[in-house]
Amino acid sequence: MKMIRNWILLMIVVIGISVALFITGRLHSVYFENKTKNGYEAIKDISYSLNGEKAKKVRVNRRGMGEVKGRTHELVVTYKDEAGKKQEIKKSITLGATENVIIYLPVLVGNGENWMEEFKAK
């Protein structure tokens, strides 16, 4: 009886560890798009940084990509406004267990809604 109990307990522990590793260890792709969307114009001079990495620029009508592990991440977007002043936006993003996301930089800078959505490959 003790042997069966020990095997069941071991299986529960292994399954629990597997689920935890699946959620926290999955590699997510995060795409950054700098295209005109929903009336928000593409921004000429814009860059992003994920989790304190080196900032990467995204040219107009282009898409950048970063890969992250885990669920919660720090996003810093730096751009120049119409007056030429450097502006910075800091956001914390939370990803689901299996999702890859696309972030629309012009919508984020314009304070619009739906600046992040799940990325679905065609």
PDB file of N, CA and C in Angstrom:
ATOM      1  N   MET A   1       0.820  -1.195   0.000  1.00  0.00           N
ATOM      2  CA  MET A   1       0.000   0.000   0.000  1.00  0.00           C
ATOM      3  C   MET A   1       0.865   1.261   0.000  1.00  0.00           C
ATOM      4  N   LYS A   2       1.947   1.228   0.808  1.00  0.00           N
ATOM      5  CA  LYS A   2       2.833   2.387   0.860  1.00  0.00           C
ATOM      6  C   LYS A   2       3.522   2.605  -0.484  1.00  0.00           C
ATOM      7  N   MET A   3       3.829   1.517  -1.163  1.00  0.00           N
ATOM      8  CA  MET A   3       4.518   1.626  -2.437  1.00  0.00           C
ATOM      9  C   MET A   3       3.625   2.300  -3.486  1.00  0.00           C
ATOM     10  N   ILE A   4       2.366   1.953  -3.520  1.00  0.00           N
ATOM     11  CA  ILE A   4       1.424   2.573  -4.459  1.00  0.00           C
ATOM     12  C   ILE A   4       1.271   4.055  -4.133  1.00  0.00           C
ATOM     13  N   ARG A   5       1.144   4.379  -2.856  1.00  0.00           N
ATOM     14  CA  ARG A   5       1.013   5.777  -2.432  1.00  0.00           C
ATOM     15  C   ARG A   5       2.239   6.580  -2.852  1.00  0.00           C
ATOM     16  N   ASN A   6       3.418   6.016  -2.669  1.00  0.00           N
ATOM     17  CA  ASN A   6       4.650   6.714  -3.038  1.00  0.00           C
ATOM     18  C   ASN A   6       4.733   6.958  -4.548  1.00  0.00           C
ATOM     19  N   TRP A   7       4.327   5.973  -5.351  1.00  0.00           N
ATOM     20  CA  TRP A   7       4.345   6.147  -6.803  1.00  0.00           C
ATOM     21  C   TRP A   7       3.354   7.225  -7.239  1.00  0.00           C
ATOM     22  N   ILE A   8       2.184   7.232  -6.659  1.00  0.00           N
ATOM     23  CA  ILE A   8       1.180   8.255  -6.991  1.00  0.00           C
ATOM     24  C   ILE A   8       1.691   9.636  -6.602  1.00  0.00           C
ATOM     25  N   LEU A   9       2.272   9.751  -5.430  1.00  0.00           N
ATOM     26  CA  LEU A   9       2.829  11.024  -4.973  1.00  0.00           C
ATOM     27  C   LEU A   9       3.958  11.490  -5.900  1.00  0.00           C
ATOM     28  N   LEU A  10       4.804  10.569  -6.310  1.00  0.00           N
ATOM     29  CA  LEU A  10       5.895  10.900  -7.228  1.00  0.00           C
ATOM     30  C   LEU A  10       5.353  11.394  -8.571  1.00  0.00           C
ATOM     31  N   MET A  11       4.327  10.747  -9.088  1.00  0.00           N
ATOM     32  CA  MET A  11       3.729  11.164 -10.363  1.00  0.00           C
ATOM     33  C   MET A  11       3.121  12.560 -10.253  1.00  0.00           C
ATOM     34  N   ILE A  12       2.464  12.863  -9.149  1.00  0.00           N
ATOM     35  CA  ILE A  12       1.877  14.189  -8.945  1.00  0.00           C
ATOM     36  C   ILE A  12       2.970  15.254  -8.914  1.00  0.00           C
ATOM     37  N   VAL A  13       4.055  14.977  -8.229  1.00  0.00           N
ATOM     38  CA  VAL A  13       5.171  15.932  -8.152  1.00  0.00           C
ATOM     39  C   VAL A  13       5.789  16.148  -9.536  1.00  0.00           C
ATOM     40  N   VAL A  14       6.005  15.088 -10.290  1.00  0.00           N
ATOM     41  CA  VAL A  14       6.598  15.204 -11.630  1.00  0.00           C
ATOM     42  C   VAL A  14       5.687  16.004 -12.558  1.00  0.00           C
ATOM     43  N   ILE A  15       4.393  15.738 -12.517  1.00  0.00           N
ATOM     44  CA  ILE A  15       3.444  16.484 -13.353  1.00  0.00           C
ATOM     45  C   ILE A  15       3.419  17.953 -12.949  1.00  0.00           C
ATOM     46  N   GLY A  16       3.438  18.235 -11.659  1.00  0.00           N
ATOM     47  CA  GLY A  16       3.465  19.627 -11.187  1.00  0.00           C
ATOM     48  C   GLY A  16       4.703  20.375 -11.651  1.00  0.00           C
ATOM     49  N   ILE A  17       5.847  19.740 -11.558  1.00  0.00           N
ATOM     50  CA  ILE A  17       7.095  20.368 -12.022  1.00  0.00           C
ATOM     51  C   ILE A  17       7.047  20.581 -13.537  1.00  0.00           C
ATOM     52  N   SER A  18       6.516  19.630 -14.272  1.00  0.00           N
ATOM     53  CA  SER A  18       6.420  19.757 -15.732  1.00  0.00           C
ATOM     54  C   SER A  18       5.551  20.936 -16.138  1.00  0.00           C
ATOM     55  N   VAL A  19       4.416  21.098 -15.488  1.00  0.00           N
ATOM     56  CA  VAL A  19       3.524  22.220 -15.791  1.00  0.00           C
ATOM     57  C   VAL A  19       4.209  23.544 -15.468  1.00  0.00           C
ATOM     58  N   ALA A  20       4.878  23.629 -14.331  1.00  0.00           N
ATOM     59  CA  ALA A  20       5.573  24.866 -13.948  1.00  0.00           C
ATOM     60  C   ALA A  20       6.668  25.211 -14.954  1.00  0.00           C
ATOM     61  N   LEU A  21       7.427  24.240 -15.398  1.00  0.00           N
ATOM     62  CA  LEU A  21       8.479  24.492 -16.385  1.00  0.00           C
ATOM     63  C   LEU A  21       7.900  24.882 -17.740  1.00  0.00           C
ATOM     64  N   PHE A  22       6.773  24.310 -18.110  1.00  0.00           N
ATOM     65  CA  PHE A  22       6.136  24.661 -19.377  1.00  0.00           C
ATOM     66  C   PHE A  22       5.709  26.121 -19.379  1.00  0.00           C
ATOM     67  N   ILE A  23       5.123  26.569 -18.283  1.00  0.00           N
ATOM     68  CA  ILE A  23       4.626  27.944 -18.203  1.00  0.00           C
ATOM     69  C   ILE A  23       5.772  28.942 -18.129  1.00  0.00           C
ATOM     70  N   THR A  24       6.766  28.685 -17.307  1.00  0.00           N
ATOM     71  CA  THR A  24       7.825  29.676 -17.100  1.00  0.00           C
ATOM     72  C   THR A  24       8.972  29.565 -18.086  1.00  0.00           C
ATOM     73  N   GLY A  25       9.145  28.441 -18.730  1.00  0.00           N
ATOM     74  CA  GLY A  25      10.321  28.249 -19.557  1.00  0.00           C
ATOM     75  C   GLY A  25      10.094  28.337 -21.048  1.00  0.00           C
ATOM     76  N   ARG A  26       8.875  28.593 -21.475  1.00  0.00           N
ATOM     77  CA  ARG A  26       8.592  28.636 -22.903  1.00  0.00           C
ATOM     78  C   ARG A  26       9.136  29.918 -23.511  1.00  0.00           C
ATOM     79  N   LEU A  27       9.691  29.806 -24.709  1.00  0.00           N
ATOM     80  CA  LEU A  27      10.227  30.955 -25.424  1.00  0.00           C
ATOM     81  C   LEU A  27       9.099  31.597 -26.228  1.00  0.00           C
ATOM     82  N   HIS A  28       8.864  32.889 -26.009  1.00  0.00           N
ATOM     83  CA  HIS A  28       7.816  33.634 -26.706  1.00  0.00           C
ATOM     84  C   HIS A  28       8.449  34.580 -27.715  1.00  0.00           C
ATOM     85  N   SER A  29       7.817  34.714 -28.866  1.00  0.00           N
ATOM     86  CA  SER A  29       8.238  35.709 -29.853  1.00  0.00           C
ATOM     87  C   SER A  29       7.371  36.942 -29.671  1.00  0.00           C
ATOM     88  N   VAL A  30       8.023  38.099 -29.595  1.00  0.00           N
ATOM     89  CA  VAL A  30       7.315  39.371 -29.484  1.00  0.00           C
ATOM     90  C   VAL A  30       7.692  40.187 -30.710  1.00  0.00           C
ATOM     91  N   TYR A  31       6.695  40.535 -31.526  1.00  0.00           N
ATOM     92  CA  TYR A  31       6.920  41.307 -32.743  1.00  0.00           C
ATOM     93  C   TYR A  31       6.545  42.759 -32.489  1.00  0.00           C
ATOM     94  N   PHE A  32       7.328  43.674 -33.050  1.00  0.00           N
ATOM     95  CA  PHE A  32       7.089  45.109 -32.912  1.00  0.00           C
ATOM     96  C   PHE A  32       6.884  45.678 -34.304  1.00  0.00           C
ATOM     97  N   GLU A  33       5.678  46.186 -34.560  1.00  0.00           N
ATOM     98  CA  GLU A  33       5.356  46.678 -35.893  1.00  0.00           C
ATOM     99  C   GLU A  33       5.248  48.192 -35.883  1.00  0.00           C
ATOM    100  N   ASN A  34       5.921  48.832 -36.846  1.00  0.00           N
ATOM    101  CA  ASN A  34       5.892  50.290 -36.974  1.00  0.00           C
ATOM    102  C   ASN A  34       5.248  50.646 -38.310  1.00  0.00           C
ATOM    103  N   LYS A  35       3.960  50.348 -38.426  1.00  0.00           N
ATOM    104  CA  LYS A  35       3.184  50.657 -39.626  1.00  0.00           C
ATOM    105  C   LYS A  35       1.957  51.455 -39.213  1.00  0.00           C
ATOM    106  N   THR A  36       1.410  52.227 -40.146  1.00  0.00           N
ATOM    107  CA  THR A  36       0.186  52.975 -39.882  1.00  0.00           C
ATOM    108  C   THR A  36      -0.940  51.983 -39.603  1.00  0.00           C
ATOM    109  N   LYS A  37      -1.658  52.222 -38.487  1.00  0.00           N
ATOM    110  CA  LYS A  37      -2.752  51.316 -38.106  1.00  0.00           C
ATOM    111  C   LYS A  37      -3.828  52.105 -37.380  1.00  0.00           C
ATOM    112  N   ASN A  38      -5.067  51.936 -37.806  1.00  0.00           N
ATOM    113  CA  ASN A  38      -6.236  52.562 -37.169  1.00  0.00           C
ATOM    114  C   ASN A  38      -6.068  54.069 -36.995  1.00  0.00           C
ATOM    115  N   GLY A  39      -5.496  54.738 -37.977  1.00  0.00           N
ATOM    116  CA  GLY A  39      -5.332  56.188 -37.906  1.00  0.00           C
ATOM    117  C   GLY A  39      -4.097  56.653 -37.162  1.00  0.00           C
ATOM    118  N   TYR A  40      -3.334  55.752 -36.620  1.00  0.00           N
ATOM    119  CA  TYR A  40      -2.082  56.103 -35.937  1.00  0.00           C
ATOM    120  C   TYR A  40      -0.945  55.968 -36.945  1.00  0.00           C
ATOM    121  N   GLU A  41      -0.270  57.082 -37.215  1.00  0.00           N
ATOM    122  CA  GLU A  41       0.797  57.115 -38.214  1.00  0.00           C
ATOM    123  C   GLU A  41       2.065  56.436 -37.702  1.00  0.00           C
ATOM    124  N   ALA A  42       2.789  55.803 -38.613  1.00  0.00           N
ATOM    125  CA  ALA A  42       4.079  55.197 -38.280  1.00  0.00           C
ATOM    126  C   ALA A  42       5.041  56.290 -37.815  1.00  0.00           C
ATOM    127  N   ILE A  43       5.932  55.948 -36.907  1.00  0.00           N
ATOM    128  CA  ILE A  43       6.837  56.916 -36.285  1.00  0.00           C
ATOM    129  C   ILE A  43       8.225  56.750 -36.887  1.00  0.00           C
ATOM    130  N   LYS A  44       8.826  57.887 -37.265  1.00  0.00           N
ATOM    131  CA  LYS A  44      10.110  57.851 -37.974  1.00  0.00           C
ATOM    132  C   LYS A  44      11.258  57.366 -37.091  1.00  0.00           C
ATOM    133  N   ASP A  45      11.358  57.877 -35.878  1.00  0.00           N
ATOM    134  CA  ASP A  45      12.498  57.551 -35.010  1.00  0.00           C
ATOM    135  C   ASP A  45      11.981  56.890 -33.735  1.00  0.00           C
ATOM    136  N   ILE A  46      11.958  55.552 -33.722  1.00  0.00           N
ATOM    137  CA  ILE A  46      11.426  54.827 -32.566  1.00  0.00           C
ATOM    138  C   ILE A  46      12.286  53.589 -32.308  1.00  0.00           C
ATOM    139  N   SER A  47      12.453  53.263 -31.039  1.00  0.00           N
ATOM    140  CA  SER A  47      13.207  52.066 -30.657  1.00  0.00           C
ATOM    141  C   SER A  47      12.538  51.424 -29.448  1.00  0.00           C
ATOM    142  N   TYR A  48      12.839  50.161 -29.220  1.00  0.00           N
ATOM    143  CA  TYR A  48      12.263  49.423 -28.100  1.00  0.00           C
ATOM    144  C   TYR A  48      13.350  48.630 -27.395  1.00  0.00           C
ATOM    145  N   SER A  49      13.089  48.322 -26.139  1.00  0.00           N
ATOM    146  CA  SER A  49      13.986  47.496 -25.344  1.00  0.00           C
ATOM    147  C   SER A  49      13.135  46.566 -24.492  1.00  0.00           C
ATOM    148  N   LEU A  50      13.472  45.296 -24.506  1.00  0.00           N
ATOM    149  CA  LEU A  50      12.760  44.298 -23.703  1.00  0.00           C
ATOM    150  C   LEU A  50      13.649  43.845 -22.561  1.00  0.00           C
ATOM    151  N   ASN A  51      13.161  43.945 -21.353  1.00  0.00           N
ATOM    152  CA  ASN A  51      13.857  43.445 -20.160  1.00  0.00           C
ATOM    153  C   ASN A  51      15.274  43.990 -20.025  1.00  0.00           C
ATOM    154  N   GLY A  52      15.470  45.250 -20.354  1.00  0.00           N
ATOM    155  CA  GLY A  52      16.766  45.894 -20.161  1.00  0.00           C
ATOM    156  C   GLY A  52      17.809  45.575 -21.213  1.00  0.00           C
ATOM    157  N   GLU A  53      17.430  44.900 -22.280  1.00  0.00           N
ATOM    158  CA  GLU A  53      18.380  44.623 -23.356  1.00  0.00           C
ATOM    159  C   GLU A  53      18.712  45.910 -24.102  1.00  0.00           C
ATOM    160  N   LYS A  54      19.689  45.836 -24.978  1.00  0.00           N
ATOM    161  CA  LYS A  54      20.061  46.982 -25.801  1.00  0.00           C
ATOM    162  C   LYS A  54      18.876  47.373 -26.687  1.00  0.00           C
ATOM    163  N   ALA A  55      18.640  48.683 -26.816  1.00  0.00           N
ATOM    164  CA  ALA A  55      17.511  49.178 -27.610  1.00  0.00           C
ATOM    165  C   ALA A  55      17.710  48.853 -29.088  1.00  0.00           C
ATOM    166  N   LYS A  56      16.605  48.499 -29.744  1.00  0.00           N
ATOM    167  CA  LYS A  56      16.626  48.191 -31.173  1.00  0.00           C
ATOM    168  C   LYS A  56      15.681  49.147 -31.889  1.00  0.00           C
ATOM    169  N   LYS A  57      16.131  49.697 -33.013  1.00  0.00           N
ATOM    170  CA  LYS A  57      15.302  50.615 -33.794  1.00  0.00           C
ATOM    171  C   LYS A  57      14.420  49.833 -34.757  1.00  0.00           C
ATOM    172  N   VAL A  58      13.238  50.417 -35.022  1.00  0.00           N
ATOM    173  CA  VAL A  58      12.328  49.850 -36.012  1.00  0.00           C
ATOM    174  C   VAL A  58      12.028  50.954 -37.019  1.00  0.00           C
ATOM    175  N   ARG A  59      12.396  50.729 -38.266  1.00  0.00           N
ATOM    176  CA  ARG A  59      12.136  51.727 -39.300  1.00  0.00           C
ATOM    177  C   ARG A  59      10.659  51.730 -39.681  1.00  0.00           C
ATOM    178  N   VAL A  60      10.248  52.780 -40.378  1.00  0.00           N
ATOM    179  CA  VAL A  60       8.861  52.920 -40.820  1.00  0.00           C
ATOM    180  C   VAL A  60       8.512  51.760 -41.753  1.00  0.00           C
ATOM    181  N   ASN A  61       7.319  51.225 -41.578  1.00  0.00           N
ATOM    182  CA  ASN A  61       6.782  50.103 -42.358  1.00  0.00           C
ATOM    183  C   ASN A  61       7.613  48.828 -42.230  1.00  0.00           C
ATOM    184  N   ARG A  62       8.246  48.665 -41.097  1.00  0.00           N
ATOM    185  CA  ARG A  62       9.036  47.462 -40.825  1.00  0.00           C
ATOM    186  C   ARG A  62       8.551  46.815 -39.534  1.00  0.00           C
ATOM    187  N   ARG A  63       9.081  45.630 -39.288  1.00  0.00           N
ATOM    188  CA  ARG A  63       8.721  44.888 -38.081  1.00  0.00           C
ATOM    189  C   ARG A  63       9.996  44.381 -37.418  1.00  0.00           C
ATOM    190  N   GLY A  64      10.073  44.552 -36.104  1.00  0.00           N
ATOM    191  CA  GLY A  64      11.183  44.016 -35.327  1.00  0.00           C
ATOM    192  C   GLY A  64      10.703  42.819 -34.527  1.00  0.00           C
ATOM    193  N   MET A  65      11.650  42.060 -33.982  1.00  0.00           N
ATOM    194  CA  MET A  65      11.269  40.881 -33.216  1.00  0.00           C
ATOM    195  C   MET A  65      12.228  40.669 -32.053  1.00  0.00           C
ATOM    196  N   GLY A  66      11.665  40.234 -30.950  1.00  0.00           N
ATOM    197  CA  GLY A  66      12.456  39.850 -29.793  1.00  0.00           C
ATOM    198  C   GLY A  66      11.920  38.545 -29.241  1.00  0.00           C
ATOM    199  N   GLU A  67      12.766  37.824 -28.531  1.00  0.00           N
ATOM    200  CA  GLU A  67      12.333  36.575 -27.914  1.00  0.00           C
ATOM    201  C   GLU A  67      12.543  36.673 -26.419  1.00  0.00           C
ATOM    202  N   VAL A  68      11.548  36.230 -25.669  1.00  0.00           N
ATOM    203  CA  VAL A  68      11.592  36.320 -24.213  1.00  0.00           C
ATOM    204  C   VAL A  68      11.154  34.993 -23.613  1.00  0.00           C
ATOM    205  N   LYS A  69      11.594  34.760 -22.391  1.00  0.00           N
ATOM    206  CA  LYS A  69      11.202  33.578 -21.632  1.00  0.00           C
ATOM    207  C   LYS A  69      10.433  34.039 -20.411  1.00  0.00           C
ATOM    208  N   GLY A  70       9.401  33.311 -20.066  1.00  0.00           N
ATOM    209  CA  GLY A  70       8.626  33.651 -18.884  1.00  0.00           C
ATOM    210  C   GLY A  70       7.350  34.396 -19.240  1.00  0.00           C
ATOM    211  N   ARG A  71       6.682  34.912 -18.210  1.00  0.00           N
ATOM    212  CA  ARG A  71       5.370  35.522 -18.414  1.00  0.00           C
ATOM    213  C   ARG A  71       5.380  37.041 -18.373  1.00  0.00           C
ATOM    214  N   THR A  72       6.073  37.647 -17.429  1.00  0.00           N
ATOM    215  CA  THR A  72       6.017  39.099 -17.248  1.00  0.00           C
ATOM    216  C   THR A  72       7.322  39.730 -17.721  1.00  0.00           C
ATOM    217  N   HIS A  73       7.188  40.814 -18.500  1.00  0.00           N
ATOM    218  CA  HIS A  73       8.358  41.452 -19.096  1.00  0.00           C
ATOM    219  C   HIS A  73       8.216  42.970 -19.046  1.00  0.00           C
ATOM    220  N   GLU A  74       9.362  43.638 -19.030  1.00  0.00           N
ATOM    221  CA  GLU A  74       9.414  45.098 -18.997  1.00  0.00           C
ATOM    222  C   GLU A  74       9.731  45.601 -20.407  1.00  0.00           C
ATOM    223  N   LEU A  75       8.888  46.492 -20.916  1.00  0.00           N
ATOM    224  CA  LEU A  75       9.052  47.061 -22.247  1.00  0.00           C
ATOM    225  C   LEU A  75       9.301  48.555 -22.117  1.00  0.00           C
ATOM    226  N   VAL A  76      10.343  49.045 -22.784  1.00  0.00           N
ATOM    227  CA  VAL A  76      10.642  50.478 -22.816  1.00  0.00           C
ATOM    228  C   VAL A  76      10.675  50.903 -24.277  1.00  0.00           C
ATOM    229  N   VAL A  77       9.825  51.875 -24.628  1.00  0.00           N
ATOM    230  CA  VAL A  77       9.764  52.402 -25.990  1.00  0.00           C
ATOM    231  C   VAL A  77      10.252  53.838 -25.953  1.00  0.00           C
ATOM    232  N   THR A  78      11.226  54.171 -26.798  1.00  0.00           N
ATOM    233  CA  THR A  78      11.780  55.518 -26.874  1.00  0.00           C
ATOM    234  C   THR A  78      11.529  56.060 -28.278  1.00  0.00           C
ATOM    235  N   TYR A  79      11.032  57.298 -28.357  1.00  0.00           N
ATOM    236  CA  TYR A  79      10.738  57.906 -29.652  1.00  0.00           C
ATOM    237  C   TYR A  79      10.890  59.417 -29.554  1.00  0.00           C
ATOM    238  N   LYS A  80      10.906  60.080 -30.712  1.00  0.00           N
ATOM    239  CA  LYS A  80      10.948  61.541 -30.761  1.00  0.00           C
ATOM    240  C   LYS A  80       9.575  62.040 -31.171  1.00  0.00           C
ATOM    241  N   ASP A  81       9.050  63.016 -30.406  1.00  0.00           N
ATOM    242  CA  ASP A  81       7.747  63.583 -30.744  1.00  0.00           C
ATOM    243  C   ASP A  81       7.896  64.610 -31.870  1.00  0.00           C
ATOM    244  N   GLU A  82       6.781  65.310 -32.200  1.00  0.00           N
ATOM    245  CA  GLU A  82       6.803  66.274 -33.305  1.00  0.00           C
ATOM    246  C   GLU A  82       7.795  67.402 -33.066  1.00  0.00           C
ATOM    247  N   ALA A  83       8.016  67.771 -31.812  1.00  0.00           N
ATOM    248  CA  ALA A  83       8.940  68.858 -31.476  1.00  0.00           C
ATOM    249  C   ALA A  83      10.399  68.386 -31.474  1.00  0.00           C
ATOM    250  N   GLY A  84      10.626  67.098 -31.667  1.00  0.00           N
ATOM    251  CA  GLY A  84      11.984  66.565 -31.671  1.00  0.00           C
ATOM    252  C   GLY A  84      12.490  66.189 -30.289  1.00  0.00           C
ATOM    253  N   LYS A  85      11.601  66.251 -29.278  1.00  0.00           N
ATOM    254  CA  LYS A  85      11.971  65.873 -27.912  1.00  0.00           C
ATOM    255  C   LYS A  85      11.883  64.362 -27.743  1.00  0.00           C
ATOM    256  N   LYS A  86      12.868  63.821 -27.051  1.00  0.00           N
ATOM    257  CA  LYS A  86      12.879  62.379 -26.802  1.00  0.00           C
ATOM    258  C   LYS A  86      11.863  62.037 -25.709  1.00  0.00           C
ATOM    259  N   GLN A  87      11.005  61.071 -25.983  1.00  0.00           N
ATOM    260  CA  GLN A  87       9.991  60.607 -25.041  1.00  0.00           C
ATOM    261  C   GLN A  87      10.233  59.125 -24.758  1.00  0.00           C
ATOM    262  N   GLU A  88       9.779  58.684 -23.584  1.00  0.00           N
ATOM    263  CA  GLU A  88       9.967  57.288 -23.195  1.00  0.00           C
ATOM    264  C   GLU A  88       8.685  56.755 -22.567  1.00  0.00           C
ATOM    265  N   ILE A  89       8.305  55.564 -22.965  1.00  0.00           N
ATOM    266  CA  ILE A  89       7.130  54.885 -22.409  1.00  0.00           C
ATOM    267  C   ILE A  89       7.607  53.576 -21.801  1.00  0.00           C
ATOM    268  N   LYS A  90       7.214  53.324 -20.552  1.00  0.00           N
ATOM    269  CA  LYS A  90       7.546  52.061 -19.887  1.00  0.00           C
ATOM    270  C   LYS A  90       6.252  51.303 -19.634  1.00  0.00           C
ATOM    271  N   LYS A  91       6.236  50.053 -20.038  1.00  0.00           N
ATOM    272  CA  LYS A  91       5.069  49.196 -19.841  1.00  0.00           C
ATOM    273  C   LYS A  91       5.530  47.837 -19.343  1.00  0.00           C
ATOM    274  N   SER A  92       4.680  47.223 -18.565  1.00  0.00           N
ATOM    275  CA  SER A  92       4.899  45.851 -18.143  1.00  0.00           C
ATOM    276  C   SER A  92       3.906  44.991 -18.920  1.00  0.00           C
ATOM    277  N   ILE A  93       4.399  43.977 -19.615  1.00  0.00           N
ATOM    278  CA  ILE A  93       3.507  43.124 -20.392  1.00  0.00           C
ATOM    279  C   ILE A  93       3.518  41.717 -19.812  1.00  0.00           C
ATOM    280  N   THR A  94       2.349  41.093 -19.816  1.00  0.00           N
ATOM    281  CA  THR A  94       2.194  39.729 -19.318  1.00  0.00           C
ATOM    282  C   THR A  94       1.713  38.855 -20.468  1.00  0.00           C
ATOM    283  N   LEU A  95       2.411  37.773 -20.698  1.00  0.00           N
ATOM    284  CA  LEU A  95       2.077  36.867 -21.789  1.00  0.00           C
ATOM    285  C   LEU A  95       1.428  35.606 -21.244  1.00  0.00           C
ATOM    286  N   GLY A  96       0.558  35.014 -22.053  1.00  0.00           N
ATOM    287  CA  GLY A  96      -0.052  33.746 -21.684  1.00  0.00           C
ATOM    288  C   GLY A  96       0.944  32.606 -21.842  1.00  0.00           C
ATOM    289  N   ALA A  97       0.511  31.423 -21.536  1.00  0.00           N
ATOM    290  CA  ALA A  97       1.416  30.271 -21.542  1.00  0.00           C
ATOM    291  C   ALA A  97       1.910  29.915 -22.936  1.00  0.00           C
ATOM    292  N   THR A  98       1.086  30.100 -23.951  1.00  0.00           N
ATOM    293  CA  THR A  98       1.475  29.635 -25.285  1.00  0.00           C
ATOM    294  C   THR A  98       1.442  30.719 -26.343  1.00  0.00           C
ATOM    295  N   GLU A  99       1.294  31.973 -25.969  1.00  0.00           N
ATOM    296  CA  GLU A  99       1.080  32.975 -27.005  1.00  0.00           C
ATOM    297  C   GLU A  99       2.339  33.723 -27.428  1.00  0.00           C
ATOM    298  N   ASN A 100       2.355  34.076 -28.699  1.00  0.00           N
ATOM    299  CA  ASN A 100       3.302  35.017 -29.266  1.00  0.00           C
ATOM    300  C   ASN A 100       2.485  36.275 -29.545  1.00  0.00           C
ATOM    301  N   VAL A 101       3.070  37.452 -29.361  1.00  0.00           N
ATOM    302  CA  VAL A 101       2.292  38.678 -29.489  1.00  0.00           C
ATOM    303  C   VAL A 101       2.924  39.624 -30.497  1.00  0.00           C
ATOM    304  N   ILE A 102       2.086  40.551 -30.975  1.00  0.00           N
ATOM    305  CA  ILE A 102       2.550  41.637 -31.825  1.00  0.00           C
ATOM    306  C   ILE A 102       2.154  42.942 -31.142  1.00  0.00           C
ATOM    307  N   ILE A 103       3.104  43.868 -31.075  1.00  0.00           N
ATOM    308  CA  ILE A 103       2.875  45.165 -30.444  1.00  0.00           C
ATOM    309  C   ILE A 103       2.936  46.218 -31.535  1.00  0.00           C
ATOM    310  N   TYR A 104       1.855  46.984 -31.661  1.00  0.00           N
ATOM    311  CA  TYR A 104       1.784  48.052 -32.654  1.00  0.00           C
ATOM    312  C   TYR A 104       2.308  49.329 -32.011  1.00  0.00           C
ATOM    313  N   LEU A 105       3.536  49.703 -32.358  1.00  0.00           N
ATOM    314  CA  LEU A 105       4.199  50.836 -31.715  1.00  0.00           C
ATOM    315  C   LEU A 105       3.466  52.166 -31.910  1.00  0.00           C
ATOM    316  N   PRO A 106       2.947  52.507 -33.116  1.00  0.00           N
ATOM    317  CA  PRO A 106       2.228  53.781 -33.250  1.00  0.00           C
ATOM    318  C   PRO A 106       0.983  53.855 -32.366  1.00  0.00           C
ATOM    319  N   VAL A 107       0.280  52.745 -32.198  1.00  0.00           N
ATOM    320  CA  VAL A 107      -0.915  52.725 -31.345  1.00  0.00           C
ATOM    321  C   VAL A 107      -0.509  52.892 -29.882  1.00  0.00           C
ATOM    322  N   LEU A 108       0.578  52.255 -29.469  1.00  0.00           N
ATOM    323  CA  LEU A 108       1.078  52.381 -28.099  1.00  0.00           C
ATOM    324  C   LEU A 108       1.478  53.819 -27.801  1.00  0.00           C
ATOM    325  N   VAL A 109       2.214  54.446 -28.714  1.00  0.00           N
ATOM    326  CA  VAL A 109       2.658  55.830 -28.515  1.00  0.00           C
ATOM    327  C   VAL A 109       1.469  56.783 -28.506  1.00  0.00           C
ATOM    328  N   GLY A 110       0.468  56.512 -29.346  1.00  0.00           N
ATOM    329  CA  GLY A 110      -0.720  57.359 -29.410  1.00  0.00           C
ATOM    330  C   GLY A 110      -1.713  57.099 -28.297  1.00  0.00           C
ATOM    331  N   ASN A 111      -1.357  56.264 -27.332  1.00  0.00           N
ATOM    332  CA  ASN A 111      -2.218  55.939 -26.191  1.00  0.00           C
ATOM    333  C   ASN A 111      -3.527  55.280 -26.626  1.00  0.00           C
ATOM    334  N   GLY A 112      -3.488  54.535 -27.702  1.00  0.00           N
ATOM    335  CA  GLY A 112      -4.678  53.863 -28.186  1.00  0.00           C
ATOM    336  C   GLY A 112      -4.886  52.527 -27.498  1.00  0.00           C
ATOM    337  N   GLU A 113      -6.050  51.962 -27.738  1.00  0.00           N
ATOM    338  CA  GLU A 113      -6.342  50.642 -27.188  1.00  0.00           C
ATOM    339  C   GLU A 113      -5.907  49.581 -28.195  1.00  0.00           C
ATOM    340  N   ASN A 114      -5.824  48.368 -27.753  1.00  0.00           N
ATOM    341  CA  ASN A 114      -5.443  47.228 -28.598  1.00  0.00           C
ATOM    342  C   ASN A 114      -4.073  47.414 -29.241  1.00  0.00           C
ATOM    343  N   TRP A 115      -3.116  47.883 -28.481  1.00  0.00           N
ATOM    344  CA  TRP A 115      -1.754  48.042 -28.999  1.00  0.00           C
ATOM    345  C   TRP A 115      -0.983  46.729 -28.963  1.00  0.00           C
ATOM    346  N   MET A 116      -1.547  45.727 -28.282  1.00  0.00           N
ATOM    347  CA  MET A 116      -0.924  44.407 -28.235  1.00  0.00           C
ATOM    348  C   MET A 116      -1.992  43.354 -28.489  1.00  0.00           C
ATOM    349  N   GLU A 117      -1.676  42.407 -29.374  1.00  0.00           N
ATOM    350  CA  GLU A 117      -2.606  41.308 -29.615  1.00  0.00           C
ATOM    351  C   GLU A 117      -1.826  40.046 -29.943  1.00  0.00           C
ATOM    352  N   GLU A 118      -2.512  38.932 -29.872  1.00  0.00           N
ATOM    353  CA  GLU A 118      -1.858  37.653 -30.151  1.00  0.00           C
ATOM    354  C   GLU A 118      -1.468  37.589 -31.622  1.00  0.00           C
ATOM    355  N   PHE A 119      -0.268  37.114 -31.880  1.00  0.00           N
ATOM    356  CA  PHE A 119       0.233  37.002 -33.251  1.00  0.00           C
ATOM    357  C   PHE A 119      -0.159  35.649 -33.807  1.00  0.00           C
ATOM    358  N   LYS A 120      -0.833  35.679 -34.957  1.00  0.00           N
ATOM    359  CA  LYS A 120      -1.234  34.439 -35.617  1.00  0.00           C
ATOM    360  C   LYS A 120      -0.565  34.395 -36.976  1.00  0.00           C
ATOM    361  N   ALA A 121       0.257  33.391 -37.203  1.00  0.00           N
ATOM    362  CA  ALA A 121       0.949  33.250 -38.489  1.00  0.00           C
ATOM    363  C   ALA A 121      -0.058  32.896 -39.573  1.00  0.00           C
ATOM    364  N   LYS A 122       0.199  33.397 -40.754  1.00  0.00           N
ATOM    365  CA  LYS A 122      -0.722  33.133 -41.873  1.00  0.00           C
ATOM    366  C   LYS A 122      -0.462  31.790 -42.487  1.00  0.00           C
TER     367      LYS A 122
END
